[in-house]
């Protein structure tokens, strides 16, 4: 990272930023064409979890190339100033890389879906097997991630 004073090195802070996020932007690559999609997600033990319809651009792209990039942001605020060159941004962000893996087991899918739901609510849910069989669930095993902040 070029600006070391902005780097977040505390993994607890990185986890707190992800835990407070509402959206994960997942970056995929279809050959030489990038594709970014905002998704609901779950996070546990440095693994990201996602669900999807069985078909579509996201699933087809991951099947071709499971290497992904992801991004989160938190505490976003525009910092105004009298002079335009003095404007800035308050933020915390996380960017990372990993490999997407499709989850096939019904029990693992249920666990992953509960992790996703726990990102947004403390309520517990049960899932019908017939619904889960028609849902694509995948995880991203994180290789690396870095955090950056400004104005915090």
C-alpha atoms as a PDB file:
ATOM      1  CA  UNK A   1       0.000   0.000   0.000  1.00  0.00           C
ATOM      2  CA  UNK A   2       1.436   3.336  -1.068  1.00  0.00           C
ATOM      3  CA  UNK A   3       0.029   5.394   1.841  1.00  0.00           C
ATOM      4  CA  UNK A   4       1.063   3.331   4.864  1.00  0.00           C
ATOM      5  CA  UNK A   5      -0.504   5.828   7.289  1.00  0.00           C
ATOM      6  CA  UNK A   6      -3.927   4.907   5.848  1.00  0.00           C
ATOM      7  CA  UNK A   7      -3.446   1.145   6.051  1.00  0.00           C
ATOM      8  CA  UNK A   8      -5.585  -0.891   8.465  1.00  0.00           C
ATOM      9  CA  UNK A   9      -3.442  -3.709   9.787  1.00  0.00           C
ATOM     10  CA  UNK A  10      -5.554  -4.798  12.775  1.00  0.00           C
ATOM     11  CA  UNK A  11      -7.524  -7.865  11.636  1.00  0.00           C
ATOM     12  CA  UNK A  12     -10.128  -7.171  14.326  1.00  0.00           C
ATOM     13  CA  UNK A  13     -10.871  -3.786  12.717  1.00  0.00           C
ATOM     14  CA  UNK A  14     -11.030  -5.408   9.275  1.00  0.00           C
ATOM     15  CA  UNK A  15     -13.515  -7.972  10.604  1.00  0.00           C
ATOM     16  CA  UNK A  16     -15.594  -5.198  12.239  1.00  0.00           C
ATOM     17  CA  UNK A  17     -15.807  -3.319   8.922  1.00  0.00           C
ATOM     18  CA  UNK A  18     -16.970  -6.453   7.107  1.00  0.00           C
ATOM     19  CA  UNK A  19     -19.413  -7.289   9.907  1.00  0.00           C
ATOM     20  CA  UNK A  20     -20.991  -3.840   9.588  1.00  0.00           C
ATOM     21  CA  UNK A  21     -21.213  -3.918   5.782  1.00  0.00           C
ATOM     22  CA  UNK A  22     -24.517  -4.374   3.993  1.00  0.00           C
ATOM     23  CA  UNK A  23     -23.140  -5.127   0.515  1.00  0.00           C
ATOM     24  CA  UNK A  24     -20.114  -6.917  -0.873  1.00  0.00           C
ATOM     25  CA  UNK A  25     -18.991  -6.009  -4.358  1.00  0.00           C
ATOM     26  CA  UNK A  26     -17.614  -9.106  -6.024  1.00  0.00           C
ATOM     27  CA  UNK A  27     -15.254  -8.651  -8.949  1.00  0.00           C
ATOM     28  CA  UNK A  28     -15.113 -11.412 -11.548  1.00  0.00           C
ATOM     29  CA  UNK A  29     -13.218 -11.831 -14.793  1.00  0.00           C
ATOM     30  CA  UNK A  30     -14.661 -13.247 -17.996  1.00  0.00           C
ATOM     31  CA  UNK A  31     -11.567 -13.476 -20.129  1.00  0.00           C
ATOM     32  CA  UNK A  32     -10.334  -9.916 -20.432  1.00  0.00           C
ATOM     33  CA  UNK A  33     -13.693  -8.373 -19.441  1.00  0.00           C
ATOM     34  CA  UNK A  34     -14.196  -7.414 -15.782  1.00  0.00           C
ATOM     35  CA  UNK A  35     -17.590  -7.843 -14.133  1.00  0.00           C
ATOM     36  CA  UNK A  36     -18.533  -6.397 -10.731  1.00  0.00           C
ATOM     37  CA  UNK A  37     -21.725  -7.340  -8.937  1.00  0.00           C
ATOM     38  CA  UNK A  38     -23.065  -6.046  -5.595  1.00  0.00           C
ATOM     39  CA  UNK A  39     -24.275  -8.926  -3.414  1.00  0.00           C
ATOM     40  CA  UNK A  40     -25.752  -9.801  -0.057  1.00  0.00           C
ATOM     41  CA  UNK A  41     -23.230 -11.936   1.783  1.00  0.00           C
ATOM     42  CA  UNK A  42     -22.219 -13.684   4.967  1.00  0.00           C
ATOM     43  CA  UNK A  43     -18.818 -13.709   6.636  1.00  0.00           C
ATOM     44  CA  UNK A  44     -17.363 -16.167   9.107  1.00  0.00           C
ATOM     45  CA  UNK A  45     -13.834 -17.366   9.860  1.00  0.00           C
ATOM     46  CA  UNK A  46     -12.377 -15.333   6.979  1.00  0.00           C
ATOM     47  CA  UNK A  47     -14.677 -16.963   4.419  1.00  0.00           C
ATOM     48  CA  UNK A  48     -17.352 -15.095   2.442  1.00  0.00           C
ATOM     49  CA  UNK A  49     -20.645 -16.797   1.561  1.00  0.00           C
ATOM     50  CA  UNK A  50     -23.069 -15.943  -1.247  1.00  0.00           C
ATOM     51  CA  UNK A  51     -26.230 -17.343  -2.807  1.00  0.00           C
ATOM     52  CA  UNK A  52     -27.480 -17.080  -6.343  1.00  0.00           C
ATOM     53  CA  UNK A  53     -29.876 -18.398  -8.914  1.00  0.00           C
ATOM     54  CA  UNK A  54     -28.548 -21.492 -10.650  1.00  0.00           C
ATOM     55  CA  UNK A  55     -28.011 -19.685 -13.956  1.00  0.00           C
ATOM     56  CA  UNK A  56     -26.712 -16.300 -14.952  1.00  0.00           C
ATOM     57  CA  UNK A  57     -23.635 -14.289 -15.760  1.00  0.00           C
ATOM     58  CA  UNK A  58     -22.168 -14.450 -12.250  1.00  0.00           C
ATOM     59  CA  UNK A  59     -22.353 -18.250 -11.982  1.00  0.00           C
ATOM     60  CA  UNK A  60     -21.116 -18.820 -15.533  1.00  0.00           C
ATOM     61  CA  UNK A  61     -18.200 -16.418 -15.023  1.00  0.00           C
ATOM     62  CA  UNK A  62     -17.142 -18.116 -11.770  1.00  0.00           C
ATOM     63  CA  UNK A  63     -17.273 -21.520 -13.479  1.00  0.00           C
ATOM     64  CA  UNK A  64     -14.834 -20.224 -16.109  1.00  0.00           C
ATOM     65  CA  UNK A  65     -12.561 -18.440 -13.630  1.00  0.00           C
ATOM     66  CA  UNK A  66     -12.979 -18.903  -9.862  1.00  0.00           C
ATOM     67  CA  UNK A  67     -10.438 -16.189  -8.984  1.00  0.00           C
ATOM     68  CA  UNK A  68     -12.290 -13.214  -7.534  1.00  0.00           C
ATOM     69  CA  UNK A  69     -11.768  -9.821  -5.961  1.00  0.00           C
ATOM     70  CA  UNK A  70     -14.088  -8.281  -3.366  1.00  0.00           C
ATOM     71  CA  UNK A  71     -14.684  -4.861  -1.815  1.00  0.00           C
ATOM     72  CA  UNK A  72     -16.453  -3.393   1.221  1.00  0.00           C
ATOM     73  CA  UNK A  73     -16.756   0.184   2.413  1.00  0.00           C
ATOM     74  CA  UNK A  74     -17.873   1.721   5.683  1.00  0.00           C
ATOM     75  CA  UNK A  75     -18.193   5.163   7.325  1.00  0.00           C
ATOM     76  CA  UNK A  76     -18.423   6.987   3.997  1.00  0.00           C
ATOM     77  CA  UNK A  77     -18.708  10.757   4.231  1.00  0.00           C
ATOM     78  CA  UNK A  78     -17.821  13.568   1.839  1.00  0.00           C
ATOM     79  CA  UNK A  79     -15.580  16.146   3.527  1.00  0.00           C
ATOM     80  CA  UNK A  80     -16.298  19.558   2.032  1.00  0.00           C
ATOM     81  CA  UNK A  81     -13.927  22.521   1.946  1.00  0.00           C
ATOM     82  CA  UNK A  82     -13.936  26.020   0.444  1.00  0.00           C
ATOM     83  CA  UNK A  83     -11.450  25.085  -2.261  1.00  0.00           C
ATOM     84  CA  UNK A  84     -12.323  22.135  -4.507  1.00  0.00           C
ATOM     85  CA  UNK A  85      -8.826  20.642  -4.282  1.00  0.00           C
ATOM     86  CA  UNK A  86      -9.228  20.454  -0.496  1.00  0.00           C
ATOM     87  CA  UNK A  87     -12.362  18.293  -0.629  1.00  0.00           C
ATOM     88  CA  UNK A  88     -11.881  14.757   0.548  1.00  0.00           C
ATOM     89  CA  UNK A  89     -13.543  11.620   1.755  1.00  0.00           C
ATOM     90  CA  UNK A  90     -13.855   9.944   5.121  1.00  0.00           C
ATOM     91  CA  UNK A  91     -13.995   6.161   4.699  1.00  0.00           C
ATOM     92  CA  UNK A  92     -12.878   2.703   5.640  1.00  0.00           C
ATOM     93  CA  UNK A  93     -12.551   0.088   2.915  1.00  0.00           C
ATOM     94  CA  UNK A  94     -11.477  -3.492   2.493  1.00  0.00           C
ATOM     95  CA  UNK A  95     -10.246  -5.058  -0.725  1.00  0.00           C
ATOM     96  CA  UNK A  96      -9.307  -8.690  -1.017  1.00  0.00           C
ATOM     97  CA  UNK A  97      -8.724 -11.644  -3.293  1.00  0.00           C
ATOM     98  CA  UNK A  98      -9.748 -15.262  -3.129  1.00  0.00           C
ATOM     99  CA  UNK A  99     -11.121 -18.280  -4.899  1.00  0.00           C
ATOM    100  CA  UNK A 100     -14.821 -19.055  -5.313  1.00  0.00           C
ATOM    101  CA  UNK A 101     -15.935 -22.621  -4.568  1.00  0.00           C
ATOM    102  CA  UNK A 102     -19.458 -23.909  -5.182  1.00  0.00           C
ATOM    103  CA  UNK A 103     -21.066 -25.668  -2.232  1.00  0.00           C
ATOM    104  CA  UNK A 104     -22.913 -28.849  -3.184  1.00  0.00           C
ATOM    105  CA  UNK A 105     -23.815 -30.521   0.127  1.00  0.00           C
ATOM    106  CA  UNK A 106     -27.317 -29.743   1.402  1.00  0.00           C
ATOM    107  CA  UNK A 107     -26.069 -29.385   4.980  1.00  0.00           C
ATOM    108  CA  UNK A 108     -23.211 -27.065   3.981  1.00  0.00           C
ATOM    109  CA  UNK A 109     -25.665 -24.977   1.942  1.00  0.00           C
ATOM    110  CA  UNK A 110     -27.941 -24.636   4.999  1.00  0.00           C
ATOM    111  CA  UNK A 111     -25.002 -23.576   7.154  1.00  0.00           C
ATOM    112  CA  UNK A 112     -23.868 -21.036   4.535  1.00  0.00           C
ATOM    113  CA  UNK A 113     -27.384 -19.603   4.164  1.00  0.00           C
ATOM    114  CA  UNK A 114     -27.610 -19.198   7.934  1.00  0.00           C
ATOM    115  CA  UNK A 115     -24.284 -17.356   7.916  1.00  0.00           C
ATOM    116  CA  UNK A 116     -25.631 -15.056   5.189  1.00  0.00           C
ATOM    117  CA  UNK A 117     -28.835 -14.409   7.152  1.00  0.00           C
ATOM    118  CA  UNK A 118     -26.857 -13.689  10.335  1.00  0.00           C
ATOM    119  CA  UNK A 119     -25.176 -10.790   8.518  1.00  0.00           C
ATOM    120  CA  UNK A 120     -28.554  -9.028   8.456  1.00  0.00           C
ATOM    121  CA  UNK A 121     -30.590 -10.352  11.401  1.00  0.00           C
ATOM    122  CA  UNK A 122     -30.321 -12.217  14.673  1.00  0.00           C
ATOM    123  CA  UNK A 123     -33.385 -14.318  13.789  1.00  0.00           C
ATOM    124  CA  UNK A 124     -32.905 -18.019  13.091  1.00  0.00           C
ATOM    125  CA  UNK A 125     -34.382 -19.673  10.023  1.00  0.00           C
ATOM    126  CA  UNK A 126     -34.973 -23.149   8.699  1.00  0.00           C
ATOM    127  CA  UNK A 127     -34.730 -23.869   5.013  1.00  0.00           C
ATOM    128  CA  UNK A 128     -36.745 -26.382   3.022  1.00  0.00           C
ATOM    129  CA  UNK A 129     -34.574 -28.918   1.238  1.00  0.00           C
ATOM    130  CA  UNK A 130     -36.498 -28.417  -2.022  1.00  0.00           C
ATOM    131  CA  UNK A 131     -35.695 -24.683  -2.015  1.00  0.00           C
ATOM    132  CA  UNK A 132     -32.031 -25.214  -1.181  1.00  0.00           C
ATOM    133  CA  UNK A 133     -31.584 -27.774  -3.964  1.00  0.00           C
ATOM    134  CA  UNK A 134     -32.556 -25.057  -6.467  1.00  0.00           C
ATOM    135  CA  UNK A 135     -30.280 -22.430  -4.945  1.00  0.00           C
ATOM    136  CA  UNK A 136     -26.654 -21.998  -5.896  1.00  0.00           C
ATOM    137  CA  UNK A 137     -24.463 -21.320  -2.884  1.00  0.00           C
ATOM    138  CA  UNK A 138     -20.776 -20.545  -3.060  1.00  0.00           C
ATOM    139  CA  UNK A 139     -18.027 -19.397  -0.779  1.00  0.00           C
ATOM    140  CA  UNK A 140     -14.933 -17.330  -1.348  1.00  0.00           C
ATOM    141  CA  UNK A 141     -11.903 -18.632   0.445  1.00  0.00           C
ATOM    142  CA  UNK A 142      -9.928 -15.475   1.138  1.00  0.00           C
ATOM    143  CA  UNK A 143      -6.264 -15.457   0.114  1.00  0.00           C
ATOM    144  CA  UNK A 144      -5.453 -11.858   1.033  1.00  0.00           C
ATOM    145  CA  UNK A 145      -7.219  -8.677   2.065  1.00  0.00           C
ATOM    146  CA  UNK A 146      -6.130  -5.213   3.052  1.00  0.00           C
ATOM    147  CA  UNK A 147      -7.859  -2.324   4.724  1.00  0.00           C
ATOM    148  CA  UNK A 148      -7.555   1.393   4.161  1.00  0.00           C
ATOM    149  CA  UNK A 149      -9.042   4.396   5.947  1.00  0.00           C
ATOM    150  CA  UNK A 150      -9.019   8.140   5.766  1.00  0.00           C
ATOM    151  CA  UNK A 151     -10.490  10.834   7.973  1.00  0.00           C
ATOM    152  CA  UNK A 152     -11.273   8.333  10.733  1.00  0.00           C
END
